[in-house]
Amino acid sequence: MDEASTEWVYSRTAGNSSNATDQLSTWAAWPTCVLGRQQSPVNVITSDVATAPALDNGIIPHLKVAGQLLLKNTGVSFQVHEMAPELSVLPLGGGPPVAVDPPSTKGYTMLRGQRFNWFQVHYHTPSENTIDGQHATLEAHYVHQLADEEYHGEGSLAGTTQHMAVVAVLYDLSKEDTCNEELSAFWEDFPTAAASEPGMGDSPGFAASSAPVDFGASL
């Protein structure tokens, strides 16, 4: 199996900037990411932007989390929560994340009248998408999946990658000496080492935060 099919990177050189050439060489296993025109990364040209009345009140988040944040360093991004509909936490005695008992969800967002369950949010710096060719300092991806009660197919969507919706939020550095209230509640708690693969036991890549956060405030 060649290198392009076993890894992908934003840049081969450690630093704050992504590298388009490195991305093209390692994303070749997913041709749509290289050649497609309807997926991230997107360059928004403001002179071509049009008003879309159908999107008025199209995003209604319900993402208040009452202090059970599972923080993860994936090695390529910082992430809050695991990629699943159920809430997972770090056990008090140590060890890998476990689902809470009884099961609990993380919240949801109504997108154009349909309920999408929230799975996780992860952060990239600089931004993956651009506006007029310019990267933002930080970009958040709020990953959702269509709720089963909204799905008219067979079986459950949970555990698949079907009917996903990702809401991207761009952040710029403040010109004042202030911090984003949502991010500052937990950002310093992110682990600096990357998480190990599932099933590897204790991992320095996970941390917990008890900060109550309204993630919907950014949407």
C-alpha atoms as a PDB file:
ATOM      1  CA  MET A   1       0.000   0.000   0.000  1.00  0.00           C
ATOM      2  CA  ASP A   2       1.493   3.343  -0.978  1.00  0.00           C
ATOM      3  CA  GLU A   3       2.073   6.265   1.375  1.00  0.00           C
ATOM      4  CA  ALA A   4      -0.826   8.309  -0.023  1.00  0.00           C
ATOM      5  CA  SER A   5      -3.314   5.615   1.012  1.00  0.00           C
ATOM      6  CA  THR A   6      -2.034   5.303   4.591  1.00  0.00           C
ATOM      7  CA  GLU A   7      -1.722   8.919   5.756  1.00  0.00           C
ATOM      8  CA  TRP A   8      -2.822  12.454   5.083  1.00  0.00           C
ATOM      9  CA  VAL A   9      -1.321  15.682   6.330  1.00  0.00           C
ATOM     10  CA  TYR A  10      -1.926  19.413   6.274  1.00  0.00           C
ATOM     11  CA  SER A  11       1.822  19.963   6.157  1.00  0.00           C
ATOM     12  CA  ARG A  12       4.949  17.836   6.463  1.00  0.00           C
ATOM     13  CA  THR A  13       6.720  20.694   8.249  1.00  0.00           C
ATOM     14  CA  ALA A  14       5.767  21.565  11.798  1.00  0.00           C
ATOM     15  CA  GLY A  15       4.501  25.110  12.085  1.00  0.00           C
ATOM     16  CA  ASN A  16       1.440  27.293  11.762  1.00  0.00           C
ATOM     17  CA  SER A  17       0.836  27.090   8.002  1.00  0.00           C
ATOM     18  CA  SER A  18      -0.708  24.389   5.851  1.00  0.00           C
ATOM     19  CA  ASN A  19       1.015  23.354   2.634  1.00  0.00           C
ATOM     20  CA  ALA A  20      -1.082  22.791  -0.506  1.00  0.00           C
ATOM     21  CA  THR A  21       1.576  20.646  -2.187  1.00  0.00           C
ATOM     22  CA  ASP A  22       1.858  18.320   0.824  1.00  0.00           C
ATOM     23  CA  GLN A  23      -1.914  18.037   0.967  1.00  0.00           C
ATOM     24  CA  LEU A  24      -2.223  17.116  -2.703  1.00  0.00           C
ATOM     25  CA  SER A  25       0.458  14.435  -2.409  1.00  0.00           C
ATOM     26  CA  THR A  26      -1.142  12.698   0.575  1.00  0.00           C
ATOM     27  CA  TRP A  27      -4.848  13.230  -0.165  1.00  0.00           C
ATOM     28  CA  ALA A  28      -4.548  11.461  -3.524  1.00  0.00           C
ATOM     29  CA  ALA A  29      -6.221   8.366  -2.034  1.00  0.00           C
ATOM     30  CA  TRP A  30      -9.400  10.464  -1.828  1.00  0.00           C
ATOM     31  CA  PRO A  31      -9.662  12.008  -5.337  1.00  0.00           C
ATOM     32  CA  THR A  32     -12.804  13.983  -4.498  1.00  0.00           C
ATOM     33  CA  CYS A  33     -10.794  15.998  -1.962  1.00  0.00           C
ATOM     34  CA  VAL A  34      -8.412  16.997  -4.750  1.00  0.00           C
ATOM     35  CA  LEU A  35     -10.716  17.349  -7.752  1.00  0.00           C
ATOM     36  CA  GLY A  36     -14.185  17.919  -6.301  1.00  0.00           C
ATOM     37  CA  ARG A  37     -15.853  21.321  -6.190  1.00  0.00           C
ATOM     38  CA  GLN A  38     -18.603  20.833  -3.594  1.00  0.00           C
ATOM     39  CA  GLN A  39     -16.689  20.079  -0.417  1.00  0.00           C
ATOM     40  CA  SER A  40     -14.116  21.566   1.934  1.00  0.00           C
ATOM     41  CA  PRO A  41     -11.804  23.372   1.493  1.00  0.00           C
ATOM     42  CA  VAL A  42     -13.851  26.171  -0.055  1.00  0.00           C
ATOM     43  CA  ASN A  43     -12.631  29.634  -1.007  1.00  0.00           C
ATOM     44  CA  VAL A  44     -15.536  32.051  -0.512  1.00  0.00           C
ATOM     45  CA  ILE A  45     -15.347  34.912  -3.020  1.00  0.00           C
ATOM     46  CA  THR A  46     -17.245  37.729  -1.344  1.00  0.00           C
ATOM     47  CA  SER A  47     -17.964  39.516  -4.633  1.00  0.00           C
ATOM     48  CA  ASP A  48     -19.892  36.419  -5.765  1.00  0.00           C
ATOM     49  CA  VAL A  49     -21.881  35.892  -2.548  1.00  0.00           C
ATOM     50  CA  ALA A  50     -25.668  35.949  -2.942  1.00  0.00           C
ATOM     51  CA  THR A  51     -28.435  36.216  -0.353  1.00  0.00           C
ATOM     52  CA  ALA A  52     -30.211  32.911   0.370  1.00  0.00           C
ATOM     53  CA  PRO A  53     -33.612  33.621   2.015  1.00  0.00           C
ATOM     54  CA  ALA A  54     -34.169  29.873   2.455  1.00  0.00           C
ATOM     55  CA  LEU A  55     -31.347  29.854   5.011  1.00  0.00           C
ATOM     56  CA  ASP A  56     -32.961  32.439   7.303  1.00  0.00           C
ATOM     57  CA  ASN A  57     -33.116  30.790  10.753  1.00  0.00           C
ATOM     58  CA  GLY A  58     -31.665  27.736   9.038  1.00  0.00           C
ATOM     59  CA  ILE A  59     -29.253  26.973  11.888  1.00  0.00           C
ATOM     60  CA  ILE A  60     -30.769  26.679  15.376  1.00  0.00           C
ATOM     61  CA  PRO A  61     -28.287  25.083  17.813  1.00  0.00           C
ATOM     62  CA  HIS A  62     -29.064  23.351  21.099  1.00  0.00           C
ATOM     63  CA  LEU A  63     -25.509  22.677  22.218  1.00  0.00           C
ATOM     64  CA  LYS A  64     -25.249  23.637  25.873  1.00  0.00           C
ATOM     65  CA  VAL A  65     -22.939  21.176  27.636  1.00  0.00           C
ATOM     66  CA  ALA A  66     -23.121  21.052  31.427  1.00  0.00           C
ATOM     67  CA  GLY A  67     -19.520  20.318  32.267  1.00  0.00           C
ATOM     68  CA  GLN A  68     -18.776  16.872  30.792  1.00  0.00           C
ATOM     69  CA  LEU A  69     -16.241  17.704  28.119  1.00  0.00           C
ATOM     70  CA  LEU A  70     -13.943  15.020  26.739  1.00  0.00           C
ATOM     71  CA  LEU A  71     -10.951  16.790  25.199  1.00  0.00           C
ATOM     72  CA  LYS A  72      -8.780  15.016  22.654  1.00  0.00           C
ATOM     73  CA  ASN A  73      -5.555  15.809  20.840  1.00  0.00           C
ATOM     74  CA  THR A  74      -5.923  13.770  17.631  1.00  0.00           C
ATOM     75  CA  GLY A  75      -2.468  14.634  16.334  1.00  0.00           C
ATOM     76  CA  VAL A  76      -3.880  16.831  13.561  1.00  0.00           C
ATOM     77  CA  SER A  77      -6.459  18.860  15.505  1.00  0.00           C
ATOM     78  CA  PHE A  78      -7.931  19.575  18.940  1.00  0.00           C
ATOM     79  CA  GLN A  79     -11.308  17.874  19.371  1.00  0.00           C
ATOM     80  CA  VAL A  80     -14.137  18.019  21.923  1.00  0.00           C
ATOM     81  CA  HIS A  81     -16.009  14.686  22.324  1.00  0.00           C
ATOM     82  CA  GLU A  82     -15.594  11.400  20.515  1.00  0.00           C
ATOM     83  CA  MET A  83     -17.064  10.773  17.050  1.00  0.00           C
ATOM     84  CA  ALA A  84     -20.303   9.147  18.240  1.00  0.00           C
ATOM     85  CA  PRO A  85     -23.844  10.189  19.207  1.00  0.00           C
ATOM     86  CA  GLU A  86     -23.432   9.098  22.853  1.00  0.00           C
ATOM     87  CA  LEU A  87     -21.495  11.125  25.402  1.00  0.00           C
ATOM     88  CA  SER A  88     -18.197   9.590  26.578  1.00  0.00           C
ATOM     89  CA  VAL A  89     -16.127  10.669  29.584  1.00  0.00           C
ATOM     90  CA  LEU A  90     -12.840   9.752  31.252  1.00  0.00           C
ATOM     91  CA  PRO A  91     -13.392   7.326  34.167  1.00  0.00           C
ATOM     92  CA  LEU A  92     -12.323   8.556  37.586  1.00  0.00           C
ATOM     93  CA  GLY A  93      -9.892   5.676  38.055  1.00  0.00           C
ATOM     94  CA  GLY A  94      -8.118   6.327  34.782  1.00  0.00           C
ATOM     95  CA  GLY A  95      -8.226   4.492  31.488  1.00  0.00           C
ATOM     96  CA  PRO A  96      -9.717   5.141  28.044  1.00  0.00           C
ATOM     97  CA  PRO A  97     -13.003   7.047  27.580  1.00  0.00           C
ATOM     98  CA  VAL A  98     -16.242   5.206  28.384  1.00  0.00           C
ATOM     99  CA  ALA A  99     -19.868   5.963  27.525  1.00  0.00           C
ATOM    100  CA  VAL A 100     -21.847   7.507  30.367  1.00  0.00           C
ATOM    101  CA  ASP A 101     -24.491   5.362  32.056  1.00  0.00           C
ATOM    102  CA  PRO A 102     -27.357   5.953  31.482  1.00  0.00           C
ATOM    103  CA  PRO A 103     -26.603   7.017  27.888  1.00  0.00           C
ATOM    104  CA  SER A 104     -26.687  10.741  27.208  1.00  0.00           C
ATOM    105  CA  THR A 105     -26.511  12.761  24.006  1.00  0.00           C
ATOM    106  CA  LYS A 106     -24.438  15.898  23.480  1.00  0.00           C
ATOM    107  CA  GLY A 107     -27.118  18.087  21.944  1.00  0.00           C
ATOM    108  CA  TYR A 108     -28.378  18.776  18.468  1.00  0.00           C
ATOM    109  CA  THR A 109     -28.829  21.461  15.840  1.00  0.00           C
ATOM    110  CA  MET A 110     -31.895  22.118  13.719  1.00  0.00           C
ATOM    111  CA  LEU A 111     -30.677  22.606  10.147  1.00  0.00           C
ATOM    112  CA  ARG A 112     -33.395  23.891   7.819  1.00  0.00           C
ATOM    113  CA  GLY A 113     -36.049  22.248   9.980  1.00  0.00           C
ATOM    114  CA  GLN A 114     -34.358  18.868  10.421  1.00  0.00           C
ATOM    115  CA  ARG A 115     -32.720  17.595  13.596  1.00  0.00           C
ATOM    116  CA  PHE A 116     -29.037  16.726  13.340  1.00  0.00           C
ATOM    117  CA  ASN A 117     -27.423  15.168  16.412  1.00  0.00           C
ATOM    118  CA  TRP A 118     -24.115  16.723  17.417  1.00  0.00           C
ATOM    119  CA  PHE A 119     -21.124  14.370  17.539  1.00  0.00           C
ATOM    120  CA  GLN A 120     -18.030  16.521  18.077  1.00  0.00           C
ATOM    121  CA  VAL A 121     -16.268  19.768  17.283  1.00  0.00           C
ATOM    122  CA  HIS A 122     -12.623  19.977  16.224  1.00  0.00           C
ATOM    123  CA  TYR A 123     -10.347  22.912  15.518  1.00  0.00           C
ATOM    124  CA  HIS A 124      -7.780  23.640  12.796  1.00  0.00           C
ATOM    125  CA  THR A 125      -5.226  26.425  12.633  1.00  0.00           C
ATOM    126  CA  PRO A 126      -4.977  28.155  10.282  1.00  0.00           C
ATOM    127  CA  SER A 127      -8.445  27.723   8.827  1.00  0.00           C
ATOM    128  CA  GLU A 128      -9.113  24.992   6.287  1.00  0.00           C
ATOM    129  CA  ASN A 129     -11.476  27.208   4.274  1.00  0.00           C
ATOM    130  CA  THR A 130     -10.634  30.708   3.099  1.00  0.00           C
ATOM    131  CA  ILE A 131     -12.404  33.990   2.324  1.00  0.00           C
ATOM    132  CA  ASP A 132     -11.070  35.778  -0.742  1.00  0.00           C
ATOM    133  CA  GLY A 133      -8.026  33.524  -0.500  1.00  0.00           C
ATOM    134  CA  GLN A 134      -7.214  34.513   3.081  1.00  0.00           C
ATOM    135  CA  HIS A 135      -7.024  32.009   5.942  1.00  0.00           C
ATOM    136  CA  ALA A 136      -8.617  32.801   9.285  1.00  0.00           C
ATOM    137  CA  THR A 137      -6.576  32.203  12.428  1.00  0.00           C
ATOM    138  CA  LEU A 138      -8.732  29.285  13.565  1.00  0.00           C
ATOM    139  CA  GLU A 139     -11.596  27.203  12.196  1.00  0.00           C
ATOM    140  CA  ALA A 140     -14.055  24.990  14.088  1.00  0.00           C
ATOM    141  CA  HIS A 141     -15.942  22.108  12.472  1.00  0.00           C
ATOM    142  CA  TYR A 142     -19.151  21.151  14.260  1.00  0.00           C
ATOM    143  CA  VAL A 143     -19.834  17.588  13.080  1.00  0.00           C
ATOM    144  CA  HIS A 144     -23.450  16.382  13.073  1.00  0.00           C
ATOM    145  CA  GLN A 145     -25.498  13.484  11.734  1.00  0.00           C
ATOM    146  CA  LEU A 146     -29.152  13.390  10.749  1.00  0.00           C
ATOM    147  CA  ALA A 147     -31.259  12.015  13.608  1.00  0.00           C
ATOM    148  CA  ASP A 148     -32.778   8.592  13.001  1.00  0.00           C
ATOM    149  CA  GLU A 149     -36.295   9.973  13.494  1.00  0.00           C
ATOM    150  CA  GLU A 150     -35.670  12.246  10.492  1.00  0.00           C
ATOM    151  CA  TYR A 151     -34.239   9.424   8.369  1.00  0.00           C
ATOM    152  CA  HIS A 152     -36.639   7.642   6.024  1.00  0.00           C
ATOM    153  CA  GLY A 153     -34.309   4.803   5.029  1.00  0.00           C
ATOM    154  CA  GLU A 154     -33.730   1.409   6.599  1.00  0.00           C
ATOM    155  CA  GLY A 155     -31.867   0.833   9.852  1.00  0.00           C
ATOM    156  CA  SER A 156     -29.966   3.383  11.906  1.00  0.00           C
ATOM    157  CA  LEU A 157     -27.529   6.006  10.674  1.00  0.00           C
ATOM    158  CA  ALA A 158     -25.468   5.822  13.887  1.00  0.00           C
ATOM    159  CA  GLY A 159     -22.121   4.177  13.272  1.00  0.00           C
ATOM    160  CA  THR A 160     -22.092   5.190   9.597  1.00  0.00           C
ATOM    161  CA  THR A 161     -20.771   8.245   7.788  1.00  0.00           C
ATOM    162  CA  GLN A 162     -24.046   8.846   5.946  1.00  0.00           C
ATOM    163  CA  HIS A 163     -26.130  12.050   6.126  1.00  0.00           C
ATOM    164  CA  MET A 164     -23.439  14.046   7.918  1.00  0.00           C
ATOM    165  CA  ALA A 165     -23.546  17.831   8.255  1.00  0.00           C
ATOM    166  CA  VAL A 166     -20.546  19.954   9.245  1.00  0.00           C
ATOM    167  CA  VAL A 167     -20.978  23.586  10.266  1.00  0.00           C
ATOM    168  CA  ALA A 168     -17.740  25.578   9.932  1.00  0.00           C
ATOM    169  CA  VAL A 169     -16.998  28.633  12.097  1.00  0.00           C
ATOM    170  CA  LEU A 170     -14.038  30.934  11.401  1.00  0.00           C
ATOM    171  CA  TYR A 171     -12.225  32.841  14.156  1.00  0.00           C
ATOM    172  CA  ASP A 172      -9.968  35.887  13.878  1.00  0.00           C
ATOM    173  CA  LEU A 173      -7.583  37.204  16.507  1.00  0.00           C
ATOM    174  CA  SER A 174      -9.077  39.959  18.599  1.00  0.00           C
ATOM    175  CA  LYS A 175      -7.565  43.427  18.267  1.00  0.00           C
ATOM    176  CA  GLU A 176      -8.249  43.901  21.951  1.00  0.00           C
ATOM    177  CA  ASP A 177      -6.792  42.023  24.900  1.00  0.00           C
ATOM    178  CA  THR A 178      -9.815  39.737  25.213  1.00  0.00           C
ATOM    179  CA  CYS A 179     -10.385  36.013  24.771  1.00  0.00           C
ATOM    180  CA  ASN A 180     -13.292  34.111  23.259  1.00  0.00           C
ATOM    181  CA  GLU A 181     -15.474  33.218  26.239  1.00  0.00           C
ATOM    182  CA  GLU A 182     -16.469  29.816  24.868  1.00  0.00           C
ATOM    183  CA  LEU A 183     -12.938  28.697  23.981  1.00  0.00           C
ATOM    184  CA  SER A 184     -11.216  30.098  27.062  1.00  0.00           C
ATOM    185  CA  ALA A 185     -13.481  27.958  29.285  1.00  0.00           C
ATOM    186  CA  PHE A 186     -11.597  24.779  28.298  1.00  0.00           C
ATOM    187  CA  TRP A 187      -8.781  25.512  25.832  1.00  0.00           C
ATOM    188  CA  GLU A 188      -5.944  25.367  28.376  1.00  0.00           C
ATOM    189  CA  ASP A 189      -7.104  21.864  29.365  1.00  0.00           C
ATOM    190  CA  PHE A 190      -6.322  20.311  25.965  1.00  0.00           C
ATOM    191  CA  PRO A 191      -3.500  17.731  26.211  1.00  0.00           C
ATOM    192  CA  THR A 192      -0.311  18.585  24.358  1.00  0.00           C
ATOM    193  CA  ALA A 193       0.409  14.956  23.381  1.00  0.00           C
ATOM    194  CA  ALA A 194      -1.608  13.110  20.734  1.00  0.00           C
ATOM    195  CA  ALA A 195      -4.027  10.337  21.654  1.00  0.00           C
ATOM    196  CA  SER A 196      -3.095   6.714  21.011  1.00  0.00           C
ATOM    197  CA  GLU A 197      -5.201   4.359  18.932  1.00  0.00           C
ATOM    198  CA  PRO A 198      -8.488   3.008  20.413  1.00  0.00           C
ATOM    199  CA  GLY A 199      -7.994   0.101  22.786  1.00  0.00           C
ATOM    200  CA  MET A 200      -4.478   1.142  23.808  1.00  0.00           C
ATOM    201  CA  GLY A 201      -5.478   1.871  27.396  1.00  0.00           C
ATOM    202  CA  ASP A 202      -4.356   5.025  29.178  1.00  0.00           C
ATOM    203  CA  SER A 203      -3.523   7.755  26.730  1.00  0.00           C
ATOM    204  CA  PRO A 204      -1.980  11.175  27.328  1.00  0.00           C
ATOM    205  CA  GLY A 205      -4.061  12.464  24.418  1.00  0.00           C
ATOM    206  CA  PHE A 206      -7.286  12.681  26.434  1.00  0.00           C
ATOM    207  CA  ALA A 207      -8.313  15.130  29.128  1.00  0.00           C
ATOM    208  CA  ALA A 208     -11.507  16.143  30.886  1.00  0.00           C
ATOM    209  CA  SER A 209     -13.016  19.550  31.563  1.00  0.00           C
ATOM    210  CA  SER A 210     -15.858  20.412  33.898  1.00  0.00           C
ATOM    211  CA  ALA A 211     -16.498  23.797  32.279  1.00  0.00           C
ATOM    212  CA  PRO A 212     -20.140  24.379  31.268  1.00  0.00           C
ATOM    213  CA  VAL A 213     -20.112  25.677  27.684  1.00  0.00           C
ATOM    214  CA  ASP A 214     -22.779  26.875  25.272  1.00  0.00           C
ATOM    215  CA  PHE A 215     -21.191  25.797  22.008  1.00  0.00           C
ATOM    216  CA  GLY A 216     -24.228  27.051  20.146  1.00  0.00           C
ATOM    217  CA  ALA A 217     -23.205  30.634  20.902  1.00  0.00           C
ATOM    218  CA  SER A 218     -20.715  30.418  18.023  1.00  0.00           C
ATOM    219  CA  LEU A 219     -23.188  29.108  15.448  1.00  0.00           C
END
